[in-house]
Amino acid sequence: MSAQSRHPLVLAAYGIALLINVTVVDGPFSAYKIVSRGVHRIIDWLFVVALFAGAFVFDVDQSTRTTLFGVGLAIVVIALTTNYTKKVFGRS
């Protein structure tokens, strides 16, 4: 979407921030376990607020605005359905 937008830097910046957020969380598929899952939950919701704010505050074209809003909605669904607790495997 970034390459097709009239404002590619806006979508690229949000995309890079999202990738960094996903990469540093203490999750099973993360590359670097730097941020705890509790902090990641807060960052997810801050990211949603930033996406919605960007959709309405930035002077961008309609497709960029729709993309920001749509990704924000997708992350809301993901954040609401994610279990942020760490699974502990023990012997039974």
Protein backbone atom coordinates (compact mmCIF):
# COMPACT_ATOMS: atom_id res chain seq x y z
CA MET A 1 0.00 0.00 0.00
CA SER A 2 2.85 2.37 0.73
CA ALA A 3 4.18 2.23 -2.82
CA GLN A 4 0.74 3.03 -4.28
CA SER A 5 -0.03 5.93 -1.98
CA ARG A 6 0.54 9.60 -2.70
CA HIS A 7 2.06 9.77 0.79
CA PRO A 8 4.22 6.62 0.97
CA LEU A 9 6.25 7.81 3.94
CA VAL A 10 3.21 7.85 6.25
CA LEU A 11 2.24 4.23 5.59
CA ALA A 12 5.86 3.07 5.53
CA ALA A 13 6.55 4.68 8.92
CA TYR A 14 3.52 3.00 10.48
CA GLY A 15 4.49 -0.32 8.88
CA ILE A 16 8.04 -0.15 10.19
CA ALA A 17 6.80 0.76 13.67
CA LEU A 18 4.40 -2.20 13.59
CA LEU A 19 7.17 -4.59 12.51
CA ILE A 20 9.43 -3.36 15.29
CA ASN A 21 6.60 -3.80 17.81
CA VAL A 22 6.03 -7.38 16.70
CA THR A 23 9.73 -8.21 16.56
CA VAL A 24 10.71 -7.18 20.10
CA VAL A 25 7.87 -8.72 22.16
CA ASP A 26 8.45 -11.75 24.38
CA GLY A 27 6.46 -14.10 22.19
CA PRO A 28 7.00 -17.52 20.65
CA PHE A 29 7.76 -16.18 17.16
CA SER A 30 9.59 -12.96 18.04
CA ALA A 31 13.15 -12.29 17.01
CA TYR A 32 14.19 -10.40 20.15
CA LYS A 33 12.56 -10.89 23.52
CA ILE A 34 13.00 -7.33 24.81
CA VAL A 35 9.48 -6.18 25.71
CA SER A 36 7.17 -8.10 28.06
CA ARG A 37 3.72 -9.11 26.93
CA GLY A 38 2.06 -6.70 29.36
CA VAL A 39 3.97 -3.78 27.88
CA HIS A 40 3.21 -5.11 24.41
CA ARG A 41 -0.51 -4.94 25.19
CA ILE A 42 -0.16 -1.24 26.07
CA ILE A 43 1.91 -0.59 22.94
CA ASP A 44 -0.75 -2.32 20.80
CA TRP A 45 -3.46 0.03 22.09
CA LEU A 46 -1.20 3.07 21.73
CA PHE A 47 -0.55 1.97 18.16
CA VAL A 48 -4.30 1.76 17.52
CA VAL A 49 -4.75 5.29 18.85
CA ALA A 50 -1.85 6.48 16.67
CA LEU A 51 -3.37 4.85 13.58
CA PHE A 52 -6.80 6.36 14.16
CA ALA A 53 -5.29 9.75 14.96
CA GLY A 54 -3.14 9.60 11.85
CA ALA A 55 -6.17 8.75 9.74
CA PHE A 56 -7.93 11.92 10.87
CA VAL A 57 -5.10 14.35 11.63
CA PHE A 58 -2.69 13.92 8.71
CA ASP A 59 -3.44 15.68 5.44
CA VAL A 60 -3.36 12.53 3.29
CA ASP A 61 -5.40 11.15 0.41
CA GLN A 62 -8.50 9.03 0.97
CA SER A 63 -6.84 5.67 0.22
CA THR A 64 -4.10 6.33 2.79
CA ARG A 65 -6.70 7.44 5.33
CA THR A 66 -8.76 4.30 4.69
CA THR A 67 -5.68 2.10 4.99
CA LEU A 68 -4.71 3.64 8.34
CA PHE A 69 -8.25 3.25 9.65
CA GLY A 70 -8.54 -0.33 8.36
CA VAL A 71 -5.24 -1.43 9.88
CA GLY A 72 -6.30 0.22 13.14
CA LEU A 73 -9.53 -1.79 13.12
CA ALA A 74 -7.62 -4.99 12.36
CA ILE A 75 -5.27 -4.40 15.29
CA VAL A 76 -8.28 -3.72 17.56
CA VAL A 77 -9.67 -7.16 16.67
CA ILE A 78 -6.26 -8.78 17.16
CA ALA A 79 -5.70 -7.03 20.50
CA LEU A 80 -9.15 -7.98 21.79
CA THR A 81 -8.68 -11.66 20.90
CA THR A 82 -5.06 -12.02 22.02
CA ASN A 83 -4.18 -13.74 25.28
CA TYR A 84 -1.21 -11.72 26.54
CA THR A 85 -0.33 -14.08 29.39
CA LYS A 86 2.78 -16.20 29.07
CA LYS A 87 2.16 -19.92 28.93
CA VAL A 88 4.02 -21.89 31.56
CA PHE A 89 4.77 -25.47 30.70
CA GLY A 90 5.29 -27.74 33.67
CA ARG A 91 5.56 -31.41 34.37
CA SER A 92 2.44 -33.20 35.41
